[in-house]
Amino acid sequence: MFKNLKSDFSSSIVVFFVALPLCLGIALASNAPLMSGLLAGIIGGIVVGLLSGSQLGVTGPAAGLTVIVASSILVLGSWENFLTAVILAGVIQFAFGYFNLGFLAYFFPLSVIYGMLSGIGILIILKQIPHAIGYDSSFFGEEEFAQLNHENTFSSLLNAFSNFDYFSVLIFIVSIAILILWEKKLINKLDIFKIIQGPIVVVFLGALVTYLNQKGILNFNLSPEHLVNINDGKAFTEYQLFSIPTVENLLNIETYKIALLIAVVASLETLLCLEATDKLDPDKRISPPNKELKAQGLGNVLCGFVGALPITQVIVRSSANINFGAKSKLSAILHGVWLLVAIIFLIPIMSLIPLASLSAVLIIVGYKLAKPDLFKEMYRSGMEQFIPFAITIVGIIAVNLLNGIIYGLIAGLFFSLYRSYKNSYELNDAVTNKNGNEYHHIILAEEISFFNKANLIEKLNAIPENSEVVIDFKNNKYMALDIKKTLKDFKTNAQSKNLKITFVNNKNKEI
């Protein structure tokens, strides 16, 4: 694990800077204690990182769970009661992995996976532009179209250009320039530029400028809302750790309903991110999904006990991890260590980081996820691939991550059903037999479901009178009851059109 220490060390620091404000923002959106988001990032990095089979995936609090968390706290009456549901959700997740339900990861088509990556990339860019220019009215890391500040993704963009901060814009422009220069020119010049990544330099310079500004050396007006805010400056030692579930809460049926909902949503998001991360992995390693579910489950059990938000594998942090050179799981583990060090010792220093600096890093990550070449590739693959891909992207941007994926899956399923509908049989061209009538040879498909019924009936009804029809079962292995009934009715009614019907290679005694 330590053989790639140089690459993993530098990428872990980048992921740490990306994860820090996201953990805080997700906690804020969930109406949970801010420290709970940071603890979730620590557990996701260190505990899940050690237990996981994913080499490049990064786990932490997920924006996709914010609505569930916020509403669940209200339903159960308190944050402490909600933590019981998180513990139970972790137990359920572990059971999912134990009973090998991770195979569900393989049912997500590539068009939806690539749509998810591109959609998240575009969403990151759209959501970060306001922070990049100093309009920080929404929390950092929000992924929903409808925002908590009563704006949405596009109205926030419009308002941002009317309420921008000149100093934030300057920080953002310089940060983007450094990141591009680092990647295009410097990183291939000297090994030191591979160890000290561009985002590290950007964040350090941003914090230095803030410090000089606060000391009066620079004369800029950078207000506190433009900076990272860690737990309102409160120390980690003030946070109440370890909560023991009460008997009353364990007897509440709502606790179990919420636990099951969290377990299902967190598991689906984890499996999707796991599959997407493997697609982004330059070495194309395959992560064991059942092992991942067990690791996530144990992580969530611990989250419930220490007062942390529920966690999933998260594509934003995972893609940043990959894009900035991680080679093994050590990077994810170290990013959790840096989060722990930060909340114990470095709160004053971390609070100097401008959000505009972090926005620059995330916009670069977003661009790499949604490169134009991927859109061209999916378009060339045909509408059957491109339409689910596009629908997934639109759903993610216009609603949220999970809804976008569901819409994409429905579109993919529609094309699969249509393909199945069209491929119920193989038809040799009709020829004229010696009596001057048409001869039709229909070879049935290997599997014919009830979806093929309409297409088959349409073909059989189109056969003209006085024809000879041979229906060949040689390839067929499965036939739905609807199809059997259709063929029996066709043979029974053949006399009305003076058709000569022959079934060949038929091993099905029901027809």
Protein backbone atom coordinates (compact mmCIF):
# COMPACT_ATOMS: atom_id res chain seq x y z
CA MET A 1 0.00 0.00 0.00
CA PHE A 2 2.95 2.33 0.64
CA LYS A 3 4.76 1.73 -2.66
CA ASN A 4 2.88 4.67 -4.25
CA LEU A 5 3.30 6.94 -1.23
CA LYS A 6 4.52 9.91 -3.29
CA SER A 7 1.44 9.97 -5.54
CA ASP A 8 -1.04 9.04 -2.81
CA PHE A 9 0.31 11.61 -0.36
CA SER A 10 -0.10 14.56 -2.72
CA SER A 11 -3.52 13.45 -4.00
CA SER A 12 -4.75 12.88 -0.44
CA ILE A 13 -4.09 16.54 0.38
CA VAL A 14 -6.03 17.63 -2.69
CA VAL A 15 -8.96 15.38 -1.74
CA PHE A 16 -8.78 16.74 1.81
CA PHE A 17 -9.18 20.32 0.56
CA VAL A 18 -12.10 19.24 -1.66
CA ALA A 19 -13.75 17.21 1.11
CA LEU A 20 -13.42 19.79 3.89
CA PRO A 21 -16.02 22.33 2.70
CA LEU A 22 -18.25 19.59 1.23
CA CYS A 23 -18.49 17.85 4.62
CA LEU A 24 -19.47 21.14 6.24
CA GLY A 25 -21.94 22.12 3.52
CA ILE A 26 -23.72 18.75 3.55
CA ALA A 27 -24.05 18.88 7.34
CA LEU A 28 -25.50 22.38 7.06
CA ALA A 29 -28.02 21.26 4.41
CA SER A 30 -29.01 18.26 6.54
CA ASN A 31 -29.83 20.44 9.57
CA ALA A 32 -27.23 18.42 11.47
CA PRO A 33 -24.30 19.60 13.64
CA LEU A 34 -21.46 20.84 11.43
CA MET A 35 -19.00 18.58 13.22
CA SER A 36 -21.09 15.56 12.18
CA GLY A 37 -20.11 16.16 8.56
CA LEU A 38 -16.40 16.29 9.37
CA LEU A 39 -16.62 13.13 11.50
CA ALA A 40 -18.36 11.38 8.61
CA GLY A 41 -15.49 12.35 6.33
CA ILE A 42 -12.95 11.04 8.86
CA ILE A 43 -14.73 7.69 9.27
CA GLY A 44 -15.28 7.41 5.52
CA GLY A 45 -11.61 8.05 4.87
CA ILE A 46 -9.89 6.05 7.61
CA VAL A 47 -12.30 3.25 8.59
CA VAL A 48 -14.02 2.56 5.27
CA GLY A 49 -10.77 3.23 3.44
CA LEU A 50 -9.05 0.46 5.40
CA LEU A 51 -11.94 -2.02 5.02
CA SER A 52 -12.90 -1.28 1.41
CA GLY A 53 -11.78 -3.23 -1.63
CA SER A 54 -11.91 -0.08 -3.76
CA GLN A 55 -8.45 1.30 -4.46
CA LEU A 56 -9.50 4.79 -5.56
CA GLY A 57 -12.98 5.36 -4.15
CA VAL A 58 -13.42 7.98 -1.42
CA THR A 59 -16.23 7.76 1.13
CA GLY A 60 -17.89 10.55 3.07
CA PRO A 61 -21.21 12.31 3.69
CA ALA A 62 -23.29 12.46 0.49
CA ALA A 63 -25.39 15.35 -0.78
CA GLY A 64 -27.90 12.79 -2.07
CA LEU A 65 -28.89 11.97 1.52
CA THR A 66 -29.42 15.53 2.77
CA VAL A 67 -33.19 15.61 2.26
CA ILE A 68 -33.61 12.19 3.88
CA VAL A 69 -31.47 13.20 6.87
CA ALA A 70 -33.20 16.56 7.41
CA SER A 71 -36.72 15.09 7.22
CA SER A 72 -35.78 12.06 9.35
CA ILE A 73 -34.48 14.23 12.19
CA LEU A 74 -37.88 15.95 12.27
CA VAL A 75 -39.80 12.65 12.14
CA LEU A 76 -37.77 11.04 14.95
CA GLY A 77 -37.75 14.16 17.09
CA SER A 78 -34.03 14.72 17.63
CA TRP A 79 -30.54 14.29 16.21
CA GLU A 80 -29.77 11.64 18.85
CA ASN A 81 -32.81 9.57 17.84
CA PHE A 82 -31.79 9.83 14.20
CA LEU A 83 -28.37 8.37 15.01
CA THR A 84 -30.09 5.13 16.06
CA ALA A 85 -31.48 4.84 12.53
CA VAL A 86 -27.97 5.38 11.12
CA ILE A 87 -26.65 2.49 13.24
CA LEU A 88 -29.45 0.21 12.04
CA ALA A 89 -28.90 1.34 8.43
CA GLY A 90 -25.26 0.27 8.76
CA VAL A 91 -26.34 -3.16 10.02
CA ILE A 92 -28.71 -3.52 7.04
CA GLN A 93 -25.98 -2.47 4.60
CA PHE A 94 -23.61 -5.03 6.06
CA ALA A 95 -26.35 -7.65 5.58
CA PHE A 96 -26.70 -6.57 1.93
CA GLY A 97 -23.02 -7.32 1.43
CA TYR A 98 -23.12 -10.54 3.45
CA PHE A 99 -25.97 -11.87 1.29
CA ASN A 100 -24.12 -10.87 -1.91
CA LEU A 101 -26.51 -8.18 -3.12
CA GLY A 102 -23.60 -6.23 -4.56
CA PHE A 103 -24.26 -7.91 -7.92
CA LEU A 104 -26.82 -5.13 -8.51
CA ALA A 105 -23.86 -2.91 -9.44
CA TYR A 106 -23.55 -4.82 -12.72
CA PHE A 107 -27.09 -3.90 -13.81
CA PHE A 108 -26.26 -0.25 -14.43
CA PRO A 109 -25.64 0.29 -18.19
CA LEU A 110 -22.57 2.19 -19.34
CA SER A 111 -24.70 4.93 -20.89
CA VAL A 112 -26.12 5.72 -17.43
CA ILE A 113 -22.71 5.47 -15.72
CA TYR A 114 -21.15 7.88 -18.22
CA GLY A 115 -24.24 10.10 -17.98
CA MET A 116 -23.81 10.19 -14.21
CA LEU A 117 -20.16 11.22 -14.51
CA SER A 118 -20.88 13.93 -17.10
CA GLY A 119 -23.97 15.14 -15.24
CA ILE A 120 -22.04 15.46 -11.99
CA GLY A 121 -19.26 17.26 -13.86
CA ILE A 122 -21.63 19.81 -15.38
CA LEU A 123 -23.47 20.20 -12.07
CA ILE A 124 -20.19 20.88 -10.23
CA ILE A 125 -19.36 23.64 -12.70
CA LEU A 126 -22.83 25.22 -12.51
CA LYS A 127 -22.92 25.07 -8.72
CA GLN A 128 -19.36 26.35 -8.24
CA ILE A 129 -19.51 29.38 -10.54
CA PRO A 130 -21.43 31.45 -7.94
CA HIS A 131 -18.86 30.60 -5.25
CA ALA A 132 -16.08 31.33 -7.71
CA ILE A 133 -17.26 34.90 -8.14
CA GLY A 134 -18.18 35.54 -4.53
CA TYR A 135 -21.93 34.82 -4.39
CA ASP A 136 -22.03 32.42 -1.44
CA SER A 137 -25.74 32.38 -0.66
CA SER A 138 -26.03 28.56 -0.95
CA PHE A 139 -23.97 25.99 0.92
CA PHE A 140 -20.76 24.72 -0.66
CA GLY A 141 -21.44 21.28 -2.16
CA GLU A 142 -25.18 21.58 -2.80
CA GLU A 143 -26.40 19.22 -5.55
CA GLU A 144 -30.16 19.74 -5.61
CA PHE A 145 -31.74 21.88 -8.35
CA ALA A 146 -34.03 23.59 -5.80
CA GLN A 147 -31.74 25.14 -3.20
CA LEU A 148 -32.34 25.75 0.48
CA ASN A 149 -32.03 29.52 -0.04
CA HIS A 150 -35.16 29.41 -2.29
CA GLU A 151 -33.10 29.76 -5.44
CA ASN A 152 -32.28 27.08 -7.99
CA THR A 153 -29.19 26.23 -10.00
CA PHE A 154 -29.91 28.71 -12.80
CA SER A 155 -31.40 31.57 -10.76
CA SER A 156 -28.34 31.33 -8.51
CA LEU A 157 -26.13 31.74 -11.58
CA LEU A 158 -28.06 34.79 -12.73
CA ASN A 159 -28.00 36.39 -9.29
CA ALA A 160 -24.29 35.63 -8.94
CA PHE A 161 -23.39 37.84 -11.90
CA SER A 162 -25.37 40.69 -10.32
CA ASN A 163 -23.81 40.28 -6.87
CA PHE A 164 -20.25 39.21 -7.51
CA ASP A 165 -17.22 40.15 -5.40
CA TYR A 166 -14.23 41.55 -7.28
CA PHE A 167 -11.67 40.06 -4.90
CA SER A 168 -13.23 36.58 -5.12
CA VAL A 169 -13.18 36.81 -8.92
CA LEU A 170 -9.50 37.75 -8.83
CA ILE A 171 -8.68 34.83 -6.52
CA PHE A 172 -10.61 32.47 -8.80
CA ILE A 173 -8.92 33.66 -12.01
CA VAL A 174 -5.43 33.38 -10.50
CA SER A 175 -6.29 29.95 -9.07
CA ILE A 176 -7.55 28.61 -12.41
CA ALA A 177 -4.46 29.98 -14.16
CA ILE A 178 -2.17 28.23 -11.65
CA LEU A 179 -4.05 24.92 -11.98
CA ILE A 180 -3.89 24.98 -15.78
CA LEU A 181 -0.22 26.02 -15.80
CA TRP A 182 0.63 23.30 -13.30
CA GLU A 183 -1.08 20.56 -15.32
CA LYS A 184 -0.08 21.65 -18.81
CA LYS A 185 3.48 22.85 -18.19
CA LEU A 186 5.04 22.29 -14.75
CA ILE A 187 3.95 18.79 -13.71
CA ASN A 188 6.07 17.16 -16.43
CA LYS A 189 9.14 19.31 -15.76
CA LEU A 190 10.24 18.29 -12.26
CA ASP A 191 9.17 15.58 -9.78
CA ILE A 192 8.56 18.22 -7.11
CA PHE A 193 5.59 19.51 -9.14
CA LYS A 194 4.06 16.02 -9.01
CA ILE A 195 4.37 15.88 -5.22
CA ILE A 196 3.17 19.44 -4.60
CA GLN A 197 0.02 19.45 -6.73
CA GLY A 198 -1.50 22.62 -8.17
CA PRO A 199 -4.54 22.59 -5.82
CA ILE A 200 -2.23 22.58 -2.79
CA VAL A 201 -0.49 25.71 -4.09
CA VAL A 202 -3.83 27.36 -4.92
CA VAL A 203 -5.27 26.75 -1.45
CA PHE A 204 -2.07 27.81 0.32
CA LEU A 205 -1.83 31.07 -1.66
CA GLY A 206 -5.53 31.78 -1.06
CA ALA A 207 -5.09 31.31 2.70
CA LEU A 208 -1.94 33.48 2.66
CA VAL A 209 -3.77 36.31 0.87
CA THR A 210 -6.62 36.11 3.40
CA TYR A 211 -4.13 36.24 6.28
CA LEU A 212 -2.31 39.26 4.82
CA ASN A 213 -5.65 40.94 4.23
CA GLN A 214 -6.73 40.38 7.85
CA LYS A 215 -3.42 41.80 9.09
CA GLY A 216 -3.95 44.94 7.02
CA ILE A 217 -0.98 44.29 4.75
CA LEU A 218 -3.31 43.89 1.75
CA ASN A 219 -6.26 46.23 1.40
CA PHE A 220 -9.06 43.98 0.16
CA ASN A 221 -12.52 43.42 1.57
CA LEU A 222 -13.02 39.64 1.81
CA SER A 223 -15.93 39.03 4.17
CA PRO A 224 -16.25 35.87 6.31
CA GLU A 225 -19.00 34.32 4.15
CA HIS A 226 -16.44 33.95 1.35
CA LEU A 227 -14.21 31.75 3.55
CA VAL A 228 -14.35 28.16 4.79
CA ASN A 229 -16.24 28.02 8.09
CA ILE A 230 -15.32 25.05 10.31
CA ASN A 231 -17.89 24.50 13.05
CA ASP A 232 -18.22 28.25 13.68
CA GLY A 233 -14.71 28.17 15.16
CA LYS A 234 -15.68 25.78 17.96
CA ALA A 235 -13.14 23.21 19.08
CA PHE A 236 -13.55 19.52 18.37
CA THR A 237 -13.45 18.76 22.11
CA GLU A 238 -16.79 20.55 22.60
CA TYR A 239 -18.64 18.05 20.41
CA GLN A 240 -20.66 15.32 22.14
CA LEU A 241 -19.31 11.94 21.00
CA PHE A 242 -20.89 8.51 21.44
CA SER A 243 -24.63 8.13 21.79
CA ILE A 244 -26.27 4.94 23.03
CA PRO A 245 -29.66 4.11 21.42
CA THR A 246 -32.55 4.25 23.87
CA VAL A 247 -34.99 1.36 24.25
CA GLU A 248 -37.90 3.64 23.30
CA ASN A 249 -36.23 4.58 20.04
CA LEU A 250 -35.47 0.95 19.20
CA LEU A 251 -39.18 0.19 19.64
CA ASN A 252 -40.23 2.98 17.26
CA ILE A 253 -41.29 1.55 13.87
CA GLU A 254 -40.35 4.86 12.17
CA THR A 255 -36.74 4.26 13.17
CA TYR A 256 -36.67 1.03 11.18
CA LYS A 257 -38.41 2.58 8.16
CA ILE A 258 -35.84 5.39 8.03
CA ALA A 259 -32.96 2.95 8.58
CA LEU A 260 -34.10 0.83 5.63
CA LEU A 261 -34.48 3.93 3.41
CA ILE A 262 -30.99 5.17 4.29
CA ALA A 263 -29.51 1.70 3.74
CA VAL A 264 -31.12 1.31 0.31
CA VAL A 265 -30.29 4.81 -0.97
CA ALA A 266 -26.75 4.77 0.46
CA SER A 267 -26.10 1.31 -1.02
CA LEU A 268 -27.38 2.27 -4.47
CA GLU A 269 -25.31 5.46 -4.51
CA THR A 270 -22.25 3.54 -3.33
CA LEU A 271 -22.64 0.84 -5.98
CA LEU A 272 -23.09 3.44 -8.72
CA CYS A 273 -20.03 5.38 -7.59
CA LEU A 274 -18.04 2.16 -7.24
CA GLU A 275 -18.83 1.24 -10.85
CA ALA A 276 -18.08 4.77 -12.07
CA THR A 277 -14.80 4.93 -10.15
CA ASP A 278 -13.67 1.65 -11.68
CA LYS A 279 -14.41 3.11 -15.13
CA LEU A 280 -12.22 6.13 -14.32
CA ASP A 281 -9.38 4.03 -12.88
CA PRO A 282 -6.42 4.19 -15.31
CA ASP A 283 -5.49 0.62 -14.30
CA LYS A 284 -9.11 -0.63 -14.80
CA ARG A 285 -9.17 -2.53 -11.50
CA ILE A 286 -12.46 -4.14 -10.49
CA SER A 287 -13.66 -3.44 -6.94
CA PRO A 288 -15.64 -6.17 -5.09
CA PRO A 289 -19.13 -4.68 -4.50
CA ASN A 290 -20.08 -7.00 -1.62
CA LYS A 291 -16.93 -6.12 0.28
CA GLU A 292 -17.71 -2.45 -0.32
CA LEU A 293 -21.23 -2.80 1.10
CA LYS A 294 -19.86 -4.49 4.22
CA ALA A 295 -17.26 -1.73 4.67
CA GLN A 296 -19.89 0.99 4.19
CA GLY A 297 -22.19 -0.80 6.64
CA LEU A 298 -19.56 -0.97 9.37
CA GLY A 299 -18.68 2.66 8.69
CA ASN A 300 -22.29 3.75 9.13
CA VAL A 301 -22.62 1.77 12.38
CA LEU A 302 -19.64 3.71 13.72
CA CYS A 303 -21.08 6.99 12.35
CA GLY A 304 -24.25 6.41 14.35
CA PHE A 305 -22.33 5.81 17.56
CA VAL A 306 -20.01 8.83 17.29
CA GLY A 307 -22.60 11.34 16.02
CA ALA A 308 -21.67 11.52 12.33
CA LEU A 309 -23.77 11.82 9.18
CA PRO A 310 -24.43 8.62 7.19
CA ILE A 311 -21.84 7.99 4.49
CA THR A 312 -21.59 6.60 0.96
CA GLN A 313 -18.85 6.39 -1.63
CA VAL A 314 -18.88 9.80 -3.33
CA ILE A 315 -18.01 10.41 -6.98
CA VAL A 316 -16.85 14.04 -6.59
CA ARG A 317 -14.13 13.13 -4.10
CA SER A 318 -13.33 9.87 -5.88
CA SER A 319 -12.88 11.59 -9.25
CA ALA A 320 -10.71 14.30 -7.67
CA ASN A 321 -8.65 11.51 -6.12
CA ILE A 322 -8.13 9.87 -9.52
CA ASN A 323 -7.56 13.09 -11.46
CA PHE A 324 -4.79 14.24 -9.12
CA GLY A 325 -2.78 11.05 -9.27
CA ALA A 326 -3.88 8.59 -6.56
CA LYS A 327 -2.69 5.02 -7.09
CA SER A 328 -4.08 3.14 -4.07
CA LYS A 329 -6.46 3.33 -1.11
CA LEU A 330 -3.75 5.03 0.96
CA SER A 331 -4.85 8.37 -0.50
CA ALA A 332 -8.42 8.00 0.81
CA ILE A 333 -7.13 6.89 4.22
CA LEU A 334 -4.71 9.82 4.47
CA HIS A 335 -7.41 12.33 3.51
CA GLY A 336 -9.35 11.10 6.55
CA VAL A 337 -6.25 11.57 8.70
CA TRP A 338 -5.84 15.17 7.44
CA LEU A 339 -9.50 15.88 8.30
CA LEU A 340 -8.89 14.57 11.82
CA VAL A 341 -5.73 16.66 12.22
CA ALA A 342 -7.52 19.73 10.86
CA ILE A 343 -10.45 19.66 13.30
CA ILE A 344 -8.16 19.05 16.28
CA PHE A 345 -5.30 21.43 15.54
CA LEU A 346 -5.88 23.55 12.42
CA ILE A 347 -9.34 25.14 12.63
CA PRO A 348 -7.97 28.74 12.64
CA ILE A 349 -5.73 28.05 9.63
CA MET A 350 -8.41 26.20 7.62
CA SER A 351 -10.79 29.10 8.19
CA LEU A 352 -8.50 31.31 6.08
CA ILE A 353 -9.20 29.37 2.85
CA PRO A 354 -11.29 31.33 0.30
CA LEU A 355 -14.20 29.40 -1.24
CA ALA A 356 -13.16 30.85 -4.60
CA SER A 357 -9.88 28.88 -4.40
CA LEU A 358 -11.71 25.63 -3.73
CA SER A 359 -14.21 26.42 -6.51
CA ALA A 360 -11.35 26.58 -8.99
CA VAL A 361 -10.21 23.09 -7.97
CA LEU A 362 -13.73 21.66 -8.27
CA ILE A 363 -14.41 23.30 -11.64
CA ILE A 364 -11.30 21.59 -13.02
CA VAL A 365 -12.60 18.28 -11.62
CA GLY A 366 -16.01 18.98 -13.18
CA TYR A 367 -14.48 19.65 -16.59
CA LYS A 368 -12.53 16.39 -16.49
CA LEU A 369 -15.72 14.48 -15.72
CA ALA A 370 -17.68 16.13 -18.55
CA LYS A 371 -15.14 16.38 -21.35
CA PRO A 372 -16.65 17.11 -24.81
CA ASP A 373 -14.96 13.99 -26.23
CA LEU A 374 -17.23 11.79 -24.09
CA PHE A 375 -20.33 13.46 -25.56
CA LYS A 376 -18.99 12.85 -29.09
CA GLU A 377 -18.25 9.21 -28.28
CA MET A 378 -21.73 8.58 -26.86
CA TYR A 379 -23.38 10.30 -29.86
CA ARG A 380 -21.42 8.13 -32.28
CA SER A 381 -22.58 5.05 -30.34
CA GLY A 382 -26.15 5.62 -31.53
CA MET A 383 -29.39 6.93 -30.07
CA GLU A 384 -29.86 3.78 -27.98
CA GLN A 385 -26.81 4.84 -25.95
CA PHE A 386 -26.96 8.61 -26.34
CA ILE A 387 -30.56 9.19 -25.23
CA PRO A 388 -30.24 7.44 -21.80
CA PHE A 389 -26.88 9.21 -21.43
CA ALA A 390 -28.46 12.62 -22.13
CA ILE A 391 -31.56 11.96 -20.00
CA THR A 392 -29.34 11.02 -17.04
CA ILE A 393 -27.43 14.29 -17.39
CA VAL A 394 -30.59 16.42 -17.63
CA GLY A 395 -32.16 14.62 -14.64
CA ILE A 396 -29.08 15.17 -12.48
CA ILE A 397 -28.92 18.87 -13.33
CA ALA A 398 -32.67 19.54 -13.19
CA VAL A 399 -33.53 17.43 -10.12
CA ASN A 400 -30.75 15.52 -8.31
CA LEU A 401 -28.30 12.66 -8.66
CA LEU A 402 -30.57 9.75 -7.76
CA ASN A 403 -33.50 10.96 -9.84
CA GLY A 404 -31.25 11.51 -12.84
CA ILE A 405 -29.94 7.96 -12.57
CA ILE A 406 -33.48 6.57 -12.27
CA TYR A 407 -34.59 8.51 -15.37
CA GLY A 408 -31.58 7.22 -17.29
CA LEU A 409 -32.27 3.63 -16.22
CA ILE A 410 -35.90 3.94 -17.34
CA ALA A 411 -34.76 5.25 -20.73
CA GLY A 412 -32.24 2.41 -21.02
CA LEU A 413 -34.91 -0.12 -20.07
CA PHE A 414 -37.24 1.31 -22.72
CA PHE A 415 -34.62 0.75 -25.44
CA SER A 416 -33.94 -2.77 -24.14
CA LEU A 417 -37.64 -3.59 -24.27
CA TYR A 418 -37.92 -2.08 -27.74
CA ARG A 419 -34.95 -4.15 -28.88
CA SER A 420 -36.55 -7.24 -27.38
CA TYR A 421 -39.86 -6.33 -29.05
CA LYS A 422 -38.18 -6.13 -32.44
CA ASN A 423 -36.07 -9.27 -32.05
CA SER A 424 -38.69 -11.94 -31.34
CA TYR A 425 -37.95 -13.83 -34.55
CA GLU A 426 -35.70 -14.10 -37.56
CA LEU A 427 -37.54 -14.01 -40.88
CA ASN A 428 -36.26 -15.45 -44.13
CA ASP A 429 -37.53 -13.53 -47.16
CA ALA A 430 -40.87 -14.82 -48.42
CA VAL A 431 -40.59 -16.81 -51.63
CA THR A 432 -43.16 -18.17 -54.09
CA ASN A 433 -43.68 -21.91 -53.88
CA LYS A 434 -44.55 -24.22 -56.79
CA ASN A 435 -48.28 -23.55 -56.34
CA GLY A 436 -47.78 -19.82 -56.76
CA ASN A 437 -48.36 -19.08 -53.07
CA GLU A 438 -45.98 -17.44 -50.62
CA TYR A 439 -43.70 -19.50 -48.40
CA HIS A 440 -42.68 -17.99 -45.02
CA HIS A 441 -39.97 -19.46 -42.77
CA ILE A 442 -40.05 -17.91 -39.28
CA ILE A 443 -37.22 -18.83 -36.87
CA LEU A 444 -38.15 -17.95 -33.30
CA ALA A 445 -35.65 -16.17 -31.03
CA GLU A 446 -33.82 -17.89 -28.17
CA GLU A 447 -35.99 -16.15 -25.59
CA ILE A 448 -39.44 -14.68 -26.25
CA SER A 449 -41.22 -12.78 -23.50
CA PHE A 450 -44.65 -11.19 -23.39
CA PHE A 451 -43.02 -7.98 -24.70
CA ASN A 452 -42.62 -9.73 -28.06
CA LYS A 453 -46.29 -10.61 -28.33
CA ALA A 454 -47.44 -7.51 -30.24
CA ASN A 455 -44.62 -7.72 -32.78
CA LEU A 456 -45.19 -11.43 -33.42
CA ILE A 457 -48.97 -11.02 -33.81
CA GLU A 458 -48.39 -8.13 -36.23
CA LYS A 459 -46.15 -10.33 -38.38
CA LEU A 460 -48.47 -13.36 -38.34
CA ASN A 461 -51.52 -11.26 -39.23
CA ALA A 462 -49.65 -9.78 -42.21
CA ILE A 463 -49.16 -13.20 -43.86
CA PRO A 464 -51.47 -13.34 -46.93
CA GLU A 465 -54.08 -16.03 -47.55
CA ASN A 466 -53.15 -19.38 -49.11
CA SER A 467 -49.57 -19.12 -47.82
CA GLU A 468 -47.38 -21.89 -46.44
CA VAL A 469 -45.86 -21.05 -43.04
CA VAL A 470 -43.04 -22.90 -41.28
CA ILE A 471 -42.41 -21.84 -37.66
CA ASP A 472 -39.01 -23.08 -36.53
CA PHE A 473 -38.27 -23.65 -32.81
CA LYS A 474 -34.63 -24.71 -33.27
CA ASN A 475 -33.13 -21.70 -31.40
CA ASN A 476 -35.81 -21.27 -28.79
CA LYS A 477 -35.04 -22.02 -25.13
CA TYR A 478 -37.67 -19.95 -23.34
CA MET A 479 -41.17 -18.92 -24.37
CA ALA A 480 -43.68 -16.95 -22.31
CA LEU A 481 -47.21 -18.28 -21.88
CA ASP A 482 -48.54 -15.34 -23.94
CA ILE A 483 -46.46 -16.45 -26.94
CA LYS A 484 -47.53 -20.09 -26.60
CA LYS A 485 -51.17 -19.02 -26.61
CA THR A 486 -50.58 -16.74 -29.61
CA LEU A 487 -49.04 -19.57 -31.66
CA LYS A 488 -51.80 -22.01 -30.70
CA ASP A 489 -54.47 -19.49 -31.71
CA PHE A 490 -52.68 -18.81 -34.97
CA LYS A 491 -52.60 -22.50 -35.83
CA THR A 492 -56.25 -22.96 -34.82
CA ASN A 493 -57.42 -20.02 -36.95
CA ALA A 494 -55.25 -20.89 -39.96
CA GLN A 495 -58.15 -22.48 -41.83
CA SER A 496 -59.97 -19.14 -42.10
CA LYS A 497 -57.13 -17.85 -44.33
CA ASN A 498 -56.35 -21.23 -45.91
CA LEU A 499 -52.87 -21.27 -44.41
CA LYS A 500 -50.73 -24.38 -44.19
CA ILE A 501 -48.95 -24.23 -40.81
CA THR A 502 -45.99 -26.45 -39.86
CA PHE A 503 -44.11 -26.39 -36.55
CA VAL A 504 -40.55 -27.79 -36.80
CA ASN A 505 -38.04 -28.63 -34.04
CA ASN A 506 -40.84 -28.12 -31.55
CA LYS A 507 -40.07 -29.70 -28.16
CA ASN A 508 -42.81 -27.82 -26.39
CA LYS A 509 -45.74 -30.16 -25.85
CA GLU A 510 -48.03 -27.30 -24.85
CA ILE A 511 -48.19 -26.03 -28.46
